[in-house]
N, C-alpha and C. Protein backbone atom coordinates (compact mmCIF):
# COMPACT_ATOMS: atom_id res chain seq x y z
N UNK A 1 -2.81 183.77 293.30
CA UNK A 1 -3.50 182.67 293.97
C UNK A 1 -3.12 181.37 293.28
N UNK A 2 -2.74 180.39 294.06
CA UNK A 2 -2.38 179.07 293.54
C UNK A 2 -3.60 178.15 293.64
N UNK A 3 -3.92 177.49 292.54
CA UNK A 3 -5.00 176.51 292.53
C UNK A 3 -4.41 175.13 292.72
N UNK A 4 -4.87 174.43 293.75
CA UNK A 4 -4.46 173.05 294.02
C UNK A 4 -5.66 172.15 293.79
N UNK A 5 -5.39 170.98 293.21
CA UNK A 5 -6.43 169.97 293.01
C UNK A 5 -5.88 168.62 293.41
N UNK A 6 -6.76 167.72 293.76
CA UNK A 6 -6.34 166.37 294.13
C UNK A 6 -6.20 165.52 292.88
N UNK A 7 -5.03 164.92 292.69
CA UNK A 7 -4.75 164.05 291.56
C UNK A 7 -4.93 162.61 292.01
N UNK A 8 -5.95 161.93 291.46
CA UNK A 8 -6.24 160.55 291.87
C UNK A 8 -5.12 159.59 291.51
N UNK A 9 -4.47 159.82 290.38
CA UNK A 9 -3.40 158.92 289.94
C UNK A 9 -2.20 158.99 290.88
N UNK A 10 -1.87 160.21 291.31
CA UNK A 10 -0.71 160.40 292.19
C UNK A 10 -1.07 160.24 293.66
N UNK A 11 -2.36 160.37 293.97
CA UNK A 11 -2.79 160.24 295.35
C UNK A 11 -2.41 161.42 296.23
N UNK A 12 -2.30 162.60 295.61
CA UNK A 12 -1.93 163.79 296.38
C UNK A 12 -2.38 165.05 295.65
N UNK A 13 -2.31 166.17 296.36
CA UNK A 13 -2.63 167.45 295.74
C UNK A 13 -1.51 167.91 294.83
N UNK A 14 -1.89 168.53 293.72
CA UNK A 14 -0.92 169.08 292.77
C UNK A 14 -1.37 170.50 292.41
N UNK A 15 -0.44 171.28 291.92
CA UNK A 15 -0.75 172.64 291.49
C UNK A 15 -1.42 172.60 290.13
N UNK A 16 -2.61 173.20 290.02
CA UNK A 16 -3.36 173.22 288.76
C UNK A 16 -3.05 174.48 287.97
N UNK A 17 -2.50 175.49 288.63
CA UNK A 17 -2.18 176.73 287.95
C UNK A 17 -2.18 177.89 288.93
N UNK A 18 -1.95 179.08 288.37
CA UNK A 18 -1.86 180.30 289.18
C UNK A 18 -2.77 181.36 288.58
N UNK A 19 -3.49 182.08 289.43
CA UNK A 19 -4.39 183.15 288.99
C UNK A 19 -3.92 184.46 289.59
N UNK A 20 -3.72 185.45 288.72
CA UNK A 20 -3.34 186.79 289.15
C UNK A 20 -4.63 187.61 289.24
N UNK A 21 -5.03 187.96 290.45
CA UNK A 21 -6.31 188.66 290.65
C UNK A 21 -6.27 190.10 290.13
N UNK A 22 -5.09 190.66 289.94
CA UNK A 22 -5.00 192.03 289.39
C UNK A 22 -5.14 192.02 287.87
N UNK A 23 -4.42 191.14 287.20
CA UNK A 23 -4.47 191.09 285.73
C UNK A 23 -5.60 190.20 285.22
N UNK A 24 -6.15 189.36 286.10
CA UNK A 24 -7.22 188.41 285.76
C UNK A 24 -6.75 187.34 284.77
N UNK A 25 -5.46 186.96 284.89
CA UNK A 25 -4.87 185.95 284.01
C UNK A 25 -4.62 184.67 284.79
N UNK A 26 -5.05 183.54 284.21
CA UNK A 26 -4.76 182.22 284.75
C UNK A 26 -3.60 181.64 283.96
N UNK A 27 -2.57 181.19 284.66
CA UNK A 27 -1.38 180.63 284.05
C UNK A 27 -1.24 179.17 284.48
N UNK A 28 -1.02 178.32 283.49
CA UNK A 28 -0.84 176.89 283.77
C UNK A 28 0.42 176.41 283.06
N UNK A 29 1.34 175.84 283.82
CA UNK A 29 2.55 175.23 283.25
C UNK A 29 2.27 173.75 283.05
N UNK A 30 2.59 173.25 281.86
CA UNK A 30 2.32 171.86 281.53
C UNK A 30 3.55 171.23 280.88
N UNK A 31 3.59 169.93 280.90
CA UNK A 31 4.59 169.18 280.16
C UNK A 31 3.88 168.54 278.97
N UNK A 32 4.55 168.44 277.86
CA UNK A 32 3.91 167.90 276.66
C UNK A 32 3.42 166.46 276.86
N UNK A 33 3.99 165.73 277.82
CA UNK A 33 3.51 164.36 278.04
C UNK A 33 2.12 164.32 278.67
N UNK A 34 1.63 165.47 279.18
CA UNK A 34 0.28 165.50 279.75
C UNK A 34 -0.77 165.96 278.74
N UNK A 35 -0.34 166.14 277.50
CA UNK A 35 -1.27 166.57 276.44
C UNK A 35 -2.19 165.41 276.06
N UNK A 36 -3.45 165.70 275.88
CA UNK A 36 -4.41 164.72 275.37
C UNK A 36 -4.23 164.69 273.85
N UNK A 37 -3.50 163.69 273.38
CA UNK A 37 -3.07 163.66 271.99
C UNK A 37 -4.22 163.59 270.99
N UNK A 38 -5.27 162.85 271.32
CA UNK A 38 -6.38 162.69 270.39
C UNK A 38 -7.02 164.04 270.04
N UNK A 39 -6.97 165.00 270.95
CA UNK A 39 -7.52 166.33 270.70
C UNK A 39 -6.44 167.40 270.52
N UNK A 40 -5.17 167.03 270.77
CA UNK A 40 -4.09 168.01 270.81
C UNK A 40 -4.46 169.13 271.78
N UNK A 41 -4.79 168.72 273.01
CA UNK A 41 -5.32 169.66 274.00
C UNK A 41 -4.79 169.36 275.39
N UNK A 42 -4.82 170.38 276.22
CA UNK A 42 -4.54 170.23 277.65
C UNK A 42 -5.83 170.45 278.41
N UNK A 43 -5.94 169.83 279.59
CA UNK A 43 -7.15 169.97 280.38
C UNK A 43 -6.98 170.94 281.53
N UNK A 44 -8.10 171.57 281.87
CA UNK A 44 -8.18 172.39 283.08
C UNK A 44 -9.36 171.85 283.87
N UNK A 45 -9.14 171.52 285.12
CA UNK A 45 -10.16 170.90 285.95
C UNK A 45 -11.41 171.76 286.03
N UNK A 46 -12.56 171.08 286.02
CA UNK A 46 -13.85 171.76 286.06
C UNK A 46 -13.95 172.68 287.27
N UNK A 47 -13.52 172.22 288.43
CA UNK A 47 -13.63 173.05 289.64
C UNK A 47 -12.78 174.32 289.53
N UNK A 48 -11.64 174.23 288.84
CA UNK A 48 -10.78 175.40 288.64
C UNK A 48 -11.45 176.38 287.70
N UNK A 49 -12.00 175.89 286.59
CA UNK A 49 -12.68 176.76 285.63
C UNK A 49 -13.86 177.48 286.29
N UNK A 50 -14.62 176.76 287.11
CA UNK A 50 -15.76 177.39 287.80
C UNK A 50 -15.29 178.51 288.73
N UNK A 51 -14.20 178.27 289.45
CA UNK A 51 -13.64 179.29 290.35
C UNK A 51 -13.11 180.49 289.55
N UNK A 52 -12.46 180.22 288.43
CA UNK A 52 -11.94 181.30 287.59
C UNK A 52 -13.08 182.17 287.06
N UNK A 53 -14.18 181.55 286.71
CA UNK A 53 -15.34 182.29 286.22
C UNK A 53 -15.86 183.23 287.31
N UNK A 54 -15.96 182.72 288.52
CA UNK A 54 -16.42 183.54 289.65
C UNK A 54 -15.48 184.70 289.94
N UNK A 55 -14.19 184.51 289.68
CA UNK A 55 -13.19 185.54 289.97
C UNK A 55 -12.95 186.50 288.80
N UNK A 56 -13.72 186.32 287.72
CA UNK A 56 -13.64 187.25 286.61
C UNK A 56 -12.43 187.08 285.71
N UNK A 57 -11.97 185.85 285.54
CA UNK A 57 -10.82 185.58 284.69
C UNK A 57 -11.05 186.12 283.28
N UNK A 58 -10.01 186.71 282.70
CA UNK A 58 -10.09 187.27 281.36
C UNK A 58 -9.26 186.51 280.33
N UNK A 59 -8.17 185.87 280.79
CA UNK A 59 -7.24 185.24 279.86
C UNK A 59 -6.65 183.98 280.46
N UNK A 60 -6.47 182.97 279.64
CA UNK A 60 -5.80 181.73 280.05
C UNK A 60 -4.48 181.64 279.28
N UNK A 61 -3.41 181.36 280.00
CA UNK A 61 -2.10 181.15 279.39
C UNK A 61 -1.62 179.75 279.76
N UNK A 62 -1.15 179.03 278.76
CA UNK A 62 -0.60 177.70 278.97
C UNK A 62 0.83 177.70 278.44
N UNK A 63 1.77 177.29 279.29
CA UNK A 63 3.16 177.21 278.87
C UNK A 63 3.63 175.76 278.92
N UNK A 64 4.15 175.28 277.80
CA UNK A 64 4.76 173.96 277.76
C UNK A 64 6.19 174.12 278.29
N UNK A 65 6.41 173.60 279.49
CA UNK A 65 7.70 173.85 280.15
C UNK A 65 8.87 173.18 279.45
N UNK A 66 8.63 172.08 278.75
CA UNK A 66 9.75 171.40 278.09
C UNK A 66 10.01 171.90 276.67
N UNK A 67 9.13 172.73 276.11
CA UNK A 67 9.38 173.33 274.79
C UNK A 67 9.53 174.84 274.87
N UNK A 68 8.99 175.44 275.92
CA UNK A 68 8.99 176.90 276.04
C UNK A 68 7.86 177.57 275.27
N UNK A 69 7.04 176.78 274.58
CA UNK A 69 5.91 177.35 273.83
C UNK A 69 4.86 177.89 274.80
N UNK A 70 4.33 179.07 274.47
CA UNK A 70 3.29 179.70 275.28
C UNK A 70 2.06 179.91 274.40
N UNK A 71 0.90 179.56 274.93
CA UNK A 71 -0.36 179.72 274.23
C UNK A 71 -1.31 180.50 275.12
N UNK A 72 -2.19 181.30 274.49
CA UNK A 72 -3.18 182.02 275.29
C UNK A 72 -4.50 182.11 274.55
N UNK A 73 -5.55 182.29 275.36
CA UNK A 73 -6.90 182.40 274.81
C UNK A 73 -7.75 183.21 275.78
N UNK A 74 -8.67 183.96 275.22
CA UNK A 74 -9.65 184.69 276.01
C UNK A 74 -10.49 183.69 276.81
N UNK A 75 -10.72 183.98 278.08
CA UNK A 75 -11.44 183.04 278.95
C UNK A 75 -12.83 182.72 278.40
N UNK A 76 -13.57 183.73 277.95
CA UNK A 76 -14.92 183.49 277.44
C UNK A 76 -14.91 182.60 276.20
N UNK A 77 -13.91 182.77 275.34
CA UNK A 77 -13.80 181.92 274.15
C UNK A 77 -13.48 180.49 274.57
N UNK A 78 -12.62 180.34 275.59
CA UNK A 78 -12.31 179.01 276.10
C UNK A 78 -13.58 178.31 276.56
N UNK A 79 -14.38 179.00 277.35
CA UNK A 79 -15.64 178.43 277.87
C UNK A 79 -16.57 178.05 276.72
N UNK A 80 -16.66 178.90 275.72
CA UNK A 80 -17.55 178.67 274.59
C UNK A 80 -17.16 177.44 273.77
N UNK A 81 -15.87 177.22 273.58
CA UNK A 81 -15.39 176.18 272.67
C UNK A 81 -14.98 174.87 273.35
N UNK A 82 -14.62 174.91 274.61
CA UNK A 82 -14.07 173.72 275.29
C UNK A 82 -15.14 172.65 275.50
N UNK A 83 -14.66 171.41 275.58
CA UNK A 83 -15.57 170.30 275.89
C UNK A 83 -15.24 169.77 277.28
N UNK A 84 -16.26 169.36 277.98
CA UNK A 84 -16.12 168.83 279.34
C UNK A 84 -16.13 167.31 279.27
N UNK A 85 -15.02 166.70 279.69
CA UNK A 85 -14.89 165.24 279.61
C UNK A 85 -14.07 164.71 280.78
N UNK A 86 -14.22 163.43 281.02
CA UNK A 86 -13.37 162.71 281.96
C UNK A 86 -12.70 161.59 281.16
N UNK A 87 -11.38 161.64 281.08
CA UNK A 87 -10.64 160.61 280.36
C UNK A 87 -9.84 159.80 281.35
N UNK A 88 -9.90 158.48 281.21
CA UNK A 88 -9.11 157.60 282.06
C UNK A 88 -9.46 157.76 283.53
N UNK A 89 -8.42 157.89 284.33
CA UNK A 89 -8.57 157.97 285.78
C UNK A 89 -8.58 159.42 286.27
N UNK A 90 -8.84 160.34 285.36
CA UNK A 90 -8.78 161.76 285.65
C UNK A 90 -10.08 162.27 286.28
N UNK A 91 -10.07 163.53 286.65
CA UNK A 91 -11.28 164.21 287.09
C UNK A 91 -11.92 164.89 285.88
N UNK A 92 -13.10 165.41 286.04
CA UNK A 92 -13.79 166.11 284.96
C UNK A 92 -13.00 167.37 284.60
N UNK A 93 -12.68 167.51 283.32
CA UNK A 93 -11.87 168.65 282.88
C UNK A 93 -12.43 169.24 281.59
N UNK A 94 -12.12 170.52 281.40
CA UNK A 94 -12.41 171.19 280.14
C UNK A 94 -11.20 171.04 279.24
N UNK A 95 -11.43 170.60 278.01
CA UNK A 95 -10.37 170.42 277.02
C UNK A 95 -10.68 171.29 275.81
N UNK A 96 -9.63 171.93 275.29
CA UNK A 96 -9.77 172.72 274.08
C UNK A 96 -8.52 172.54 273.23
N UNK A 97 -8.68 172.09 271.97
CA UNK A 97 -7.51 171.91 271.12
C UNK A 97 -6.69 173.20 271.00
N UNK A 98 -5.39 173.03 270.88
CA UNK A 98 -4.48 174.18 270.79
C UNK A 98 -4.73 175.03 269.55
N UNK A 99 -5.40 174.50 268.53
CA UNK A 99 -5.69 175.29 267.34
C UNK A 99 -6.54 176.53 267.64
N UNK A 100 -7.24 176.53 268.77
CA UNK A 100 -8.06 177.68 269.16
C UNK A 100 -7.25 178.73 269.93
N UNK A 101 -6.08 178.36 270.39
CA UNK A 101 -5.23 179.27 271.15
C UNK A 101 -4.35 180.08 270.19
N UNK A 102 -3.87 181.21 270.68
CA UNK A 102 -2.87 181.99 269.97
C UNK A 102 -1.52 181.64 270.54
N UNK A 103 -0.59 181.28 269.67
CA UNK A 103 0.76 180.99 270.12
C UNK A 103 1.48 182.33 270.32
N UNK A 104 2.02 182.51 271.50
CA UNK A 104 2.70 183.76 271.85
C UNK A 104 4.16 183.64 271.43
N UNK A 105 4.58 184.56 270.59
CA UNK A 105 5.96 184.55 270.13
C UNK A 105 6.87 185.08 271.24
N UNK A 106 8.02 184.45 271.38
CA UNK A 106 8.99 184.86 272.40
C UNK A 106 9.62 186.19 272.00
N UNK A 107 9.82 187.04 273.00
CA UNK A 107 10.49 188.32 272.74
C UNK A 107 11.96 188.06 272.41
N UNK A 108 12.46 188.78 271.42
CA UNK A 108 13.87 188.54 271.05
C UNK A 108 14.81 189.55 271.67
């Protein structure tokens, strides 16, 4: 399932991520320029997190497309630790510093 959200800055819908209903994993591809530097965190829209909770999400994966780095965290831990904020012209999002995520090592 593809999650689409309206981006106010761009004035159009954008892909917020993908949810696999069989594995219960939410995957989000990001570029490092979209990182909230003050927290060293990426945001996930509040409406997406609420939908993921209803669908029984178990794991969140974030991939930095320009570095290839992959991070993951248990969904419940994400909910417990993340902060809900609106920065700039954005929508309300959950932010969690990458220090709480596990960096997934690439298979060799």
